[in-house]
C-alpha cells in the first residue's frame, strides 16, 4: 500500500485577485516550482483570499485543521497598509521558524535592494509547516530555492507526510542517522 500523498496548499493573498481584477500569478508560480522539485506524490490545492489579518488567519487555520502538511502563502508580506500576512501567520502558529525568513531575505537581497521591505517567514501549527512568500513569481522562486532544502526534514520533524526532492533541482538535507 502506497503512503498517502503529502498535502500542499498554496494560498494567494490579494484583494484584486480575489475580486477577479488581477490574474493570480503567484499561486501558479509556486505550484509550478513545487511540481518541478518534489518527486514524491503530492496533492496540491490553491485558493485566493483577500488581504487582511483575519481573512488570512481564518484560511490558514482551516488548512491546518484539514490536514495540510505544507502551506505556501504568496503575497501580503510587504509594508503596504493591508499587507498583514505575517501578522495572520503569527496569530495561528504554535512557534516561529525565523531562519526561513532570514534566508529568504538574504537570497532576495542579492537580486533587489527592496528585499529588506519583505516580511517573509515560516512557522508550525501542529503538523503543518507554513511559509510566507512574496507575490511575484521570480521572487517566489528565489525564496523557495533558498530554503526548500530544509523543508523535507522539517516536515519529518513535525510529523507531517514525507516528501522527497529532485537533487538536481533542490538537494533536500536530512542528517545521517548514527
N, C-alpha and C. Protein backbone atom coordinates (compact mmCIF):
# COMPACT_ATOMS: atom_id res chain seq x y z
N UNK A 1 0.84 -1.20 0.00
CA UNK A 1 0.00 0.00 0.00
C UNK A 1 0.88 1.25 0.00
N UNK A 2 0.60 2.14 -0.92
CA UNK A 2 1.37 3.37 -1.03
C UNK A 2 0.97 4.36 0.06
N UNK A 3 1.95 5.13 0.57
CA UNK A 3 1.59 6.15 1.56
C UNK A 3 0.72 7.23 0.93
N UNK A 4 -0.07 7.85 1.76
CA UNK A 4 -0.93 8.95 1.28
C UNK A 4 -0.05 10.11 0.82
N UNK A 5 -0.38 10.73 -0.32
CA UNK A 5 0.46 11.85 -0.79
C UNK A 5 0.43 13.02 0.19
N UNK A 6 1.54 13.72 0.25
CA UNK A 6 1.60 14.93 1.06
C UNK A 6 0.60 15.94 0.52
N UNK A 7 0.00 16.67 1.43
CA UNK A 7 -0.98 17.70 1.08
C UNK A 7 -0.29 19.06 1.12
N UNK A 8 -0.20 19.69 -0.04
CA UNK A 8 0.42 21.01 -0.14
C UNK A 8 -0.63 22.00 -0.59
N UNK A 9 -0.82 23.04 0.21
CA UNK A 9 -1.79 24.08 -0.13
C UNK A 9 -1.03 25.36 -0.47
N UNK A 10 -1.54 26.05 -1.46
CA UNK A 10 -0.97 27.33 -1.87
C UNK A 10 -2.07 28.38 -1.75
N UNK A 11 -1.79 29.40 -0.97
CA UNK A 11 -2.75 30.47 -0.73
C UNK A 11 -2.20 31.76 -1.30
N UNK A 12 -2.92 32.35 -2.22
CA UNK A 12 -2.56 33.67 -2.74
C UNK A 12 -3.35 34.71 -1.96
N UNK A 13 -2.65 35.68 -1.42
CA UNK A 13 -3.28 36.76 -0.66
C UNK A 13 -3.28 38.01 -1.53
N UNK A 14 -4.47 38.42 -1.98
CA UNK A 14 -4.57 39.59 -2.86
C UNK A 14 -6.01 40.06 -2.94
N UNK A 15 -6.23 41.31 -2.60
CA UNK A 15 -7.58 41.88 -2.76
C UNK A 15 -8.01 41.82 -4.22
N UNK A 16 -7.14 42.30 -5.12
CA UNK A 16 -7.51 42.38 -6.53
C UNK A 16 -7.72 41.00 -7.16
N UNK A 17 -6.84 40.07 -6.88
CA UNK A 17 -7.00 38.73 -7.46
C UNK A 17 -8.24 38.05 -6.90
N UNK A 18 -8.56 38.28 -5.63
CA UNK A 18 -9.75 37.65 -5.04
C UNK A 18 -11.03 38.20 -5.66
N UNK A 19 -10.98 39.44 -6.17
CA UNK A 19 -12.15 40.04 -6.84
C UNK A 19 -12.15 39.77 -8.34
N UNK A 20 -11.14 39.09 -8.84
CA UNK A 20 -11.06 38.80 -10.27
C UNK A 20 -10.56 39.96 -11.11
N UNK A 21 -10.01 40.99 -10.48
CA UNK A 21 -9.50 42.16 -11.20
C UNK A 21 -8.06 41.99 -11.67
N UNK A 22 -7.40 40.97 -11.17
CA UNK A 22 -5.98 40.77 -11.42
C UNK A 22 -5.74 39.27 -11.48
N UNK A 23 -4.98 38.84 -12.46
CA UNK A 23 -4.68 37.41 -12.58
C UNK A 23 -3.72 36.99 -11.47
N UNK A 24 -4.03 35.88 -10.85
CA UNK A 24 -3.14 35.31 -9.82
C UNK A 24 -1.92 34.74 -10.52
N UNK A 25 -0.78 35.34 -10.33
CA UNK A 25 0.46 34.83 -10.89
C UNK A 25 1.28 34.07 -9.85
N UNK A 26 1.14 34.47 -8.59
CA UNK A 26 1.92 33.85 -7.53
C UNK A 26 1.55 32.41 -7.25
N UNK A 27 0.28 32.11 -7.16
CA UNK A 27 -0.15 30.74 -6.87
C UNK A 27 0.32 29.75 -7.93
N UNK A 28 0.07 30.03 -9.21
CA UNK A 28 0.56 29.12 -10.25
C UNK A 28 2.09 29.00 -10.25
N UNK A 29 2.80 30.08 -9.98
CA UNK A 29 4.27 30.02 -9.95
C UNK A 29 4.75 29.13 -8.82
N UNK A 30 4.14 29.25 -7.65
CA UNK A 30 4.53 28.41 -6.52
C UNK A 30 4.23 26.94 -6.81
N UNK A 31 3.07 26.68 -7.41
CA UNK A 31 2.73 25.30 -7.74
C UNK A 31 3.70 24.72 -8.76
N UNK A 32 4.02 25.48 -9.78
CA UNK A 32 4.95 25.00 -10.80
C UNK A 32 6.31 24.68 -10.17
N UNK A 33 6.78 25.54 -9.27
CA UNK A 33 8.07 25.32 -8.62
C UNK A 33 8.02 24.01 -7.83
N UNK A 34 6.97 23.83 -7.05
CA UNK A 34 6.84 22.61 -6.24
C UNK A 34 6.80 21.38 -7.13
N UNK A 35 6.00 21.42 -8.17
CA UNK A 35 5.86 20.25 -9.04
C UNK A 35 7.16 19.93 -9.79
N UNK A 36 8.00 20.93 -10.03
CA UNK A 36 9.29 20.70 -10.68
C UNK A 36 10.36 20.17 -9.73
N UNK A 37 10.15 20.32 -8.43
CA UNK A 37 11.17 19.96 -7.45
C UNK A 37 10.80 18.71 -6.65
N UNK A 38 9.55 18.60 -6.23
CA UNK A 38 9.14 17.48 -5.38
C UNK A 38 8.88 16.26 -6.26
N UNK A 39 9.50 15.14 -5.89
CA UNK A 39 9.39 13.93 -6.72
C UNK A 39 8.39 12.92 -6.18
N UNK A 40 8.03 13.02 -4.91
CA UNK A 40 7.04 12.11 -4.35
C UNK A 40 5.64 12.62 -4.70
N UNK A 41 4.65 11.72 -4.69
CA UNK A 41 3.29 12.18 -5.00
C UNK A 41 2.81 13.23 -3.98
N UNK A 42 2.22 14.28 -4.51
CA UNK A 42 1.65 15.33 -3.67
C UNK A 42 0.28 15.72 -4.22
N UNK A 43 -0.57 16.15 -3.34
CA UNK A 43 -1.86 16.72 -3.74
C UNK A 43 -1.76 18.22 -3.48
N UNK A 44 -1.86 19.00 -4.54
CA UNK A 44 -1.71 20.46 -4.42
C UNK A 44 -3.07 21.11 -4.62
N UNK A 45 -3.42 21.98 -3.69
CA UNK A 45 -4.63 22.79 -3.83
C UNK A 45 -4.22 24.25 -3.80
N UNK A 46 -5.03 25.08 -4.46
CA UNK A 46 -4.77 26.52 -4.48
C UNK A 46 -6.05 27.27 -4.13
N UNK A 47 -5.87 28.37 -3.45
CA UNK A 47 -7.00 29.26 -3.19
C UNK A 47 -6.51 30.69 -3.14
N UNK A 48 -7.43 31.61 -3.33
CA UNK A 48 -7.13 33.04 -3.28
C UNK A 48 -8.01 33.65 -2.20
N UNK A 49 -7.38 34.44 -1.34
CA UNK A 49 -8.12 35.14 -0.29
C UNK A 49 -7.75 36.62 -0.33
N UNK A 50 -8.66 37.49 0.11
CA UNK A 50 -8.33 38.92 0.17
C UNK A 50 -7.29 39.19 1.25
N UNK A 51 -6.58 40.31 1.09
CA UNK A 51 -5.67 40.76 2.13
C UNK A 51 -6.44 40.98 3.42
N UNK A 52 -5.69 41.01 4.50
CA UNK A 52 -6.29 41.29 5.81
C UNK A 52 -5.97 40.20 6.81
N UNK A 53 -5.67 40.62 7.99
CA UNK A 53 -5.20 39.71 9.04
C UNK A 53 -6.19 38.58 9.33
N UNK A 54 -7.44 38.91 9.57
CA UNK A 54 -8.42 37.87 9.95
C UNK A 54 -8.75 36.93 8.80
N UNK A 55 -8.91 37.49 7.61
CA UNK A 55 -9.22 36.66 6.44
C UNK A 55 -8.13 35.63 6.20
N UNK A 56 -6.89 36.09 6.25
CA UNK A 56 -5.76 35.18 6.03
C UNK A 56 -5.65 34.17 7.17
N UNK A 57 -5.76 34.64 8.41
CA UNK A 57 -5.67 33.72 9.56
C UNK A 57 -6.73 32.64 9.50
N UNK A 58 -7.95 33.01 9.14
CA UNK A 58 -9.03 32.01 9.03
C UNK A 58 -8.71 30.95 7.98
N UNK A 59 -8.18 31.38 6.83
CA UNK A 59 -7.83 30.43 5.76
C UNK A 59 -6.72 29.50 6.22
N UNK A 60 -5.72 30.03 6.91
CA UNK A 60 -4.59 29.22 7.36
C UNK A 60 -5.02 28.21 8.43
N UNK A 61 -5.85 28.66 9.36
CA UNK A 61 -6.37 27.74 10.39
C UNK A 61 -7.11 26.58 9.75
N UNK A 62 -7.95 26.88 8.77
CA UNK A 62 -8.74 25.84 8.10
C UNK A 62 -7.84 24.84 7.38
N UNK A 63 -6.78 25.30 6.77
CA UNK A 63 -5.87 24.39 6.07
C UNK A 63 -5.15 23.45 7.04
N UNK A 64 -4.72 23.98 8.17
CA UNK A 64 -4.08 23.12 9.18
C UNK A 64 -5.09 22.10 9.71
N UNK A 65 -6.30 22.54 10.00
CA UNK A 65 -7.33 21.63 10.50
C UNK A 65 -7.69 20.57 9.46
N UNK A 66 -7.55 20.92 8.18
CA UNK A 66 -7.87 19.99 7.10
C UNK A 66 -6.75 19.03 6.76
N UNK A 67 -5.63 19.10 7.47
CA UNK A 67 -4.56 18.14 7.27
C UNK A 67 -3.48 18.53 6.29
N UNK A 68 -3.36 19.81 5.94
CA UNK A 68 -2.27 20.23 5.05
C UNK A 68 -0.93 19.98 5.75
N UNK A 69 0.03 19.47 4.99
CA UNK A 69 1.38 19.27 5.51
C UNK A 69 2.22 20.53 5.34
N UNK A 70 2.09 21.16 4.19
CA UNK A 70 2.86 22.35 3.84
C UNK A 70 1.91 23.37 3.22
N UNK A 71 1.98 24.59 3.71
CA UNK A 71 1.16 25.67 3.17
C UNK A 71 2.11 26.79 2.74
N UNK A 72 2.06 27.11 1.46
CA UNK A 72 2.83 28.22 0.91
C UNK A 72 1.87 29.38 0.70
N UNK A 73 2.18 30.52 1.29
CA UNK A 73 1.31 31.69 1.22
C UNK A 73 2.04 32.77 0.44
N UNK A 74 1.48 33.18 -0.70
CA UNK A 74 2.12 34.20 -1.52
C UNK A 74 1.38 35.52 -1.37
N UNK A 75 2.12 36.58 -1.16
CA UNK A 75 1.53 37.91 -1.11
C UNK A 75 1.23 38.38 0.30
N UNK A 76 1.07 39.68 0.42
CA UNK A 76 0.71 40.28 1.70
C UNK A 76 1.86 40.39 2.67
N UNK A 77 3.11 40.29 2.17
CA UNK A 77 4.26 40.30 3.08
C UNK A 77 5.03 41.62 3.06
N UNK A 78 4.54 42.60 2.33
CA UNK A 78 5.23 43.89 2.25
C UNK A 78 4.77 44.85 3.33
N UNK A 79 5.14 46.13 3.18
CA UNK A 79 4.78 47.13 4.18
C UNK A 79 3.50 47.92 3.87
N UNK A 80 2.77 47.56 2.82
CA UNK A 80 1.54 48.29 2.48
C UNK A 80 0.50 48.13 3.59
N UNK A 81 -0.42 49.07 3.71
CA UNK A 81 -1.38 49.05 4.81
C UNK A 81 -2.17 47.75 4.98
N UNK A 82 -2.52 47.07 3.89
CA UNK A 82 -3.31 45.84 4.02
C UNK A 82 -2.47 44.56 3.99
N UNK A 83 -1.14 44.70 3.89
CA UNK A 83 -0.24 43.54 3.91
C UNK A 83 -0.09 43.06 5.35
N UNK A 84 -0.92 42.11 5.72
CA UNK A 84 -0.92 41.62 7.10
C UNK A 84 -0.73 40.11 7.18
N UNK A 85 -0.17 39.51 6.13
CA UNK A 85 0.07 38.07 6.15
C UNK A 85 0.97 37.65 7.31
N UNK A 86 2.07 38.36 7.60
CA UNK A 86 2.91 37.93 8.74
C UNK A 86 2.16 37.97 10.08
N UNK A 87 1.31 38.96 10.25
CA UNK A 87 0.54 39.04 11.49
C UNK A 87 -0.47 37.90 11.58
N UNK A 88 -1.09 37.56 10.45
CA UNK A 88 -2.04 36.43 10.41
C UNK A 88 -1.32 35.14 10.74
N UNK A 89 -0.13 34.96 10.18
CA UNK A 89 0.64 33.76 10.49
C UNK A 89 0.97 33.70 11.97
N UNK A 90 1.41 34.80 12.53
CA UNK A 90 1.75 34.85 13.96
C UNK A 90 0.55 34.49 14.83
N UNK A 91 -0.65 34.86 14.38
CA UNK A 91 -1.87 34.57 15.15
C UNK A 91 -2.19 33.08 15.23
N UNK A 92 -1.74 32.30 14.26
CA UNK A 92 -2.20 30.90 14.19
C UNK A 92 -1.12 29.85 14.46
N UNK A 93 0.15 30.23 14.48
CA UNK A 93 1.19 29.21 14.64
C UNK A 93 1.48 28.90 16.11
N UNK A 94 2.00 27.69 16.32
CA UNK A 94 2.47 27.29 17.65
C UNK A 94 3.85 27.87 17.92
N UNK A 95 4.68 27.93 16.87
CA UNK A 95 6.00 28.52 17.01
C UNK A 95 6.52 28.98 15.65
N UNK A 96 7.46 29.92 15.73
CA UNK A 96 8.06 30.58 14.57
C UNK A 96 9.37 29.87 14.20
N UNK A 97 9.71 29.89 12.92
CA UNK A 97 11.00 29.40 12.42
C UNK A 97 11.70 30.57 11.75
N UNK A 98 12.35 31.46 12.50
CA UNK A 98 12.87 32.70 11.93
C UNK A 98 13.95 32.53 10.87
N UNK A 99 14.66 31.43 10.88
CA UNK A 99 15.72 31.23 9.89
C UNK A 99 15.20 31.24 8.46
N UNK A 100 13.97 30.79 8.26
CA UNK A 100 13.41 30.79 6.91
C UNK A 100 13.32 32.21 6.36
N UNK A 101 12.74 33.11 7.12
CA UNK A 101 12.60 34.49 6.66
C UNK A 101 13.95 35.17 6.47
N UNK A 102 14.87 34.90 7.40
CA UNK A 102 16.21 35.49 7.29
C UNK A 102 16.88 35.06 5.99
N UNK A 103 16.81 33.77 5.67
CA UNK A 103 17.47 33.27 4.48
C UNK A 103 16.77 33.74 3.20
N UNK A 104 15.44 33.80 3.22
CA UNK A 104 14.72 34.28 2.04
C UNK A 104 15.07 35.73 1.74
N UNK A 105 15.13 36.55 2.78
CA UNK A 105 15.50 37.96 2.57
C UNK A 105 16.95 38.08 2.08
N UNK A 106 17.85 37.28 2.64
CA UNK A 106 19.25 37.33 2.21
C UNK A 106 19.37 36.98 0.73
N UNK A 107 18.71 35.90 0.31
CA UNK A 107 18.76 35.50 -1.10
C UNK A 107 18.13 36.56 -1.99
N UNK A 108 17.03 37.12 -1.56
CA UNK A 108 16.34 38.14 -2.36
C UNK A 108 17.14 39.43 -2.45
N UNK A 109 17.84 39.76 -1.38
CA UNK A 109 18.62 41.00 -1.36
C UNK A 109 19.75 40.96 -2.39
N UNK A 110 20.20 39.77 -2.73
CA UNK A 110 21.23 39.65 -3.78
C UNK A 110 20.67 40.03 -5.15
N UNK A 111 19.35 40.07 -5.27
CA UNK A 111 18.70 40.40 -6.55
C UNK A 111 18.08 41.79 -6.59
N UNK A 112 17.48 42.21 -5.48
CA UNK A 112 16.82 43.52 -5.46
C UNK A 112 17.01 44.20 -4.10
N UNK A 113 17.30 45.51 -4.09
CA UNK A 113 17.51 46.19 -2.81
C UNK A 113 16.24 46.32 -1.97
N UNK A 114 15.08 46.21 -2.59
CA UNK A 114 13.83 46.33 -1.84
C UNK A 114 13.48 45.06 -1.06
N UNK A 115 14.31 44.02 -1.14
CA UNK A 115 14.05 42.79 -0.38
C UNK A 115 14.00 43.05 1.12
N UNK A 116 14.65 44.10 1.58
CA UNK A 116 14.62 44.40 3.01
C UNK A 116 13.23 44.82 3.48
N UNK A 117 12.36 45.16 2.54
CA UNK A 117 10.98 45.53 2.89
C UNK A 117 10.09 44.31 3.09
N UNK A 118 10.54 43.17 2.65
CA UNK A 118 9.69 41.97 2.69
C UNK A 118 9.72 41.33 4.07
N UNK A 119 8.58 40.77 4.44
CA UNK A 119 8.42 40.20 5.77
C UNK A 119 8.06 38.71 5.68
N UNK A 120 8.80 37.97 4.83
CA UNK A 120 8.54 36.54 4.72
C UNK A 120 8.90 35.85 6.02
N UNK A 121 8.33 34.66 6.19
CA UNK A 121 8.64 33.89 7.38
C UNK A 121 8.09 32.49 7.29
N UNK A 122 8.18 31.78 8.40
CA UNK A 122 7.68 30.42 8.47
C UNK A 122 7.35 30.09 9.91
N UNK A 123 6.45 29.14 10.06
CA UNK A 123 6.07 28.69 11.38
C UNK A 123 5.31 27.38 11.30
N UNK A 124 5.08 26.80 12.45
CA UNK A 124 4.43 25.49 12.53
C UNK A 124 3.19 25.58 13.40
N UNK A 125 2.15 24.94 12.92
CA UNK A 125 0.93 24.73 13.71
C UNK A 125 0.65 23.23 13.62
N UNK A 126 0.74 22.55 14.75
CA UNK A 126 0.51 21.12 14.74
C UNK A 126 1.50 20.43 13.83
N UNK A 127 0.97 19.75 12.81
CA UNK A 127 1.82 19.04 11.84
C UNK A 127 1.85 19.74 10.49
N UNK A 128 1.63 21.06 10.51
CA UNK A 128 1.63 21.86 9.28
C UNK A 128 2.74 22.89 9.33
N UNK A 129 3.53 22.92 8.26
CA UNK A 129 4.55 23.95 8.09
C UNK A 129 3.98 25.02 7.18
N UNK A 130 4.01 26.26 7.63
CA UNK A 130 3.57 27.41 6.85
C UNK A 130 4.79 28.22 6.45
N UNK A 131 4.81 28.66 5.19
CA UNK A 131 5.85 29.56 4.71
C UNK A 131 5.19 30.71 3.97
N UNK A 132 5.56 31.94 4.33
CA UNK A 132 5.03 33.10 3.62
C UNK A 132 6.07 33.57 2.62
N UNK A 133 5.59 33.90 1.43
CA UNK A 133 6.45 34.24 0.30
C UNK A 133 5.98 35.54 -0.34
N UNK A 134 6.84 36.18 -1.11
CA UNK A 134 6.39 37.34 -1.88
C UNK A 134 5.34 36.91 -2.91
N UNK A 135 4.73 37.87 -3.57
CA UNK A 135 3.72 37.55 -4.57
C UNK A 135 4.24 37.44 -5.99
N UNK A 136 5.42 37.96 -6.26
CA UNK A 136 5.96 37.95 -7.63
C UNK A 136 6.61 36.60 -7.94
N UNK A 137 6.29 36.03 -9.10
CA UNK A 137 6.82 34.70 -9.44
C UNK A 137 8.33 34.56 -9.34
N UNK A 138 9.10 35.51 -9.83
CA UNK A 138 10.56 35.40 -9.76
C UNK A 138 11.03 35.40 -8.30
N UNK A 139 10.41 36.22 -7.48
CA UNK A 139 10.78 36.29 -6.06
C UNK A 139 10.38 35.01 -5.33
N UNK A 140 9.26 34.41 -5.73
CA UNK A 140 8.84 33.15 -5.13
C UNK A 140 9.90 32.08 -5.40
N UNK A 141 10.35 31.99 -6.64
CA UNK A 141 11.38 31.01 -6.99
C UNK A 141 12.67 31.25 -6.22
N UNK A 142 13.09 32.49 -6.11
CA UNK A 142 14.30 32.82 -5.36
C UNK A 142 14.18 32.36 -3.92
N UNK A 143 13.06 32.66 -3.30
CA UNK A 143 12.86 32.32 -1.90
C UNK A 143 12.76 30.81 -1.68
N UNK A 144 12.00 30.13 -2.52
CA UNK A 144 11.88 28.68 -2.35
C UNK A 144 13.22 28.00 -2.58
N UNK A 145 13.94 28.45 -3.59
CA UNK A 145 15.26 27.85 -3.84
C UNK A 145 16.19 28.05 -2.64
N UNK A 146 16.07 29.17 -1.96
CA UNK A 146 16.95 29.49 -0.84
C UNK A 146 16.70 28.60 0.38
N UNK A 147 15.47 28.15 0.59
CA UNK A 147 15.15 27.47 1.85
C UNK A 147 14.61 26.05 1.71
N UNK A 148 14.21 25.65 0.53
CA UNK A 148 13.46 24.40 0.41
C UNK A 148 14.27 23.16 0.77
N UNK A 149 15.58 23.22 0.73
CA UNK A 149 16.40 22.06 1.11
C UNK A 149 16.12 21.63 2.55
N UNK A 150 15.68 22.55 3.39
CA UNK A 150 15.37 22.24 4.78
C UNK A 150 13.93 21.78 4.99
N UNK A 151 13.06 21.99 4.02
CA UNK A 151 11.64 21.69 4.19
C UNK A 151 11.34 20.21 4.41
N UNK A 152 11.88 19.29 3.61
CA UNK A 152 11.54 17.88 3.85
C UNK A 152 11.88 17.40 5.26
N UNK A 153 13.05 17.77 5.77
CA UNK A 153 13.43 17.35 7.12
C UNK A 153 12.55 18.03 8.16
N UNK A 154 12.21 19.29 7.94
CA UNK A 154 11.29 19.97 8.86
C UNK A 154 9.96 19.23 8.92
N UNK A 155 9.44 18.83 7.76
CA UNK A 155 8.18 18.08 7.73
C UNK A 155 8.33 16.77 8.50
N UNK A 156 9.47 16.09 8.36
CA UNK A 156 9.72 14.87 9.14
C UNK A 156 9.63 15.17 10.63
N UNK A 157 10.30 16.22 11.06
CA UNK A 157 10.38 16.54 12.49
C UNK A 157 9.03 16.89 13.11
N UNK A 158 8.13 17.48 12.33
CA UNK A 158 6.83 17.87 12.90
C UNK A 158 5.77 16.79 12.71
N UNK A 159 6.16 15.67 12.10
CA UNK A 159 5.22 14.56 11.94
C UNK A 159 4.32 14.66 10.73
N UNK A 160 4.69 15.50 9.78
CA UNK A 160 3.91 15.63 8.54
C UNK A 160 4.31 14.50 7.59
N UNK A 161 3.57 14.39 6.49
CA UNK A 161 3.90 13.37 5.49
C UNK A 161 5.24 13.70 4.82
N UNK A 162 5.92 12.65 4.44
CA UNK A 162 7.27 12.76 3.88
C UNK A 162 7.23 13.20 2.42
N UNK A 163 8.17 14.08 2.07
CA UNK A 163 8.37 14.44 0.67
C UNK A 163 9.83 14.25 0.32
N UNK A 164 10.07 13.98 -0.95
CA UNK A 164 11.43 13.87 -1.50
C UNK A 164 11.55 14.90 -2.62
N UNK A 165 12.78 15.30 -2.88
CA UNK A 165 13.02 16.29 -3.93
C UNK A 165 13.98 15.72 -4.98
N UNK A 166 13.94 16.33 -6.15
CA UNK A 166 14.89 16.02 -7.20
C UNK A 166 16.21 16.68 -6.83
N UNK A 167 17.25 15.89 -6.52
CA UNK A 167 18.50 16.51 -6.07
C UNK A 167 19.16 17.42 -7.11
N UNK A 168 18.83 17.24 -8.38
CA UNK A 168 19.39 18.12 -9.41
C UNK A 168 18.76 19.51 -9.33
N UNK A 169 17.57 19.60 -8.75
CA UNK A 169 16.87 20.89 -8.64
C UNK A 169 16.94 21.48 -7.25
N UNK A 170 16.91 20.62 -6.24
CA UNK A 170 16.97 21.06 -4.84
C UNK A 170 17.34 19.85 -4.01
N UNK A 171 18.56 19.81 -3.52
CA UNK A 171 19.02 18.67 -2.73
C UNK A 171 18.55 18.81 -1.29
N UNK A 172 17.50 18.08 -0.94
CA UNK A 172 16.99 18.11 0.42
C UNK A 172 18.05 17.58 1.37
N UNK A 173 18.15 18.19 2.53
CA UNK A 173 19.12 17.76 3.52
C UNK A 173 18.40 17.06 4.67
N UNK A 174 18.85 15.87 4.95
CA UNK A 174 18.43 15.13 6.14
C UNK A 174 19.70 14.61 6.79
N UNK A 175 19.87 14.85 8.10
CA UNK A 175 21.08 14.35 8.76
C UNK A 175 21.16 12.83 8.66
N UNK A 176 22.36 12.34 8.54
CA UNK A 176 22.55 10.89 8.54
C UNK A 176 22.39 10.38 9.96
N UNK A 177 21.69 9.26 10.08
CA UNK A 177 21.50 8.69 11.42
C UNK A 177 22.74 7.90 11.81
N UNK A 178 22.97 7.83 13.11
CA UNK A 178 24.07 7.01 13.60
C UNK A 178 25.24 7.73 14.06
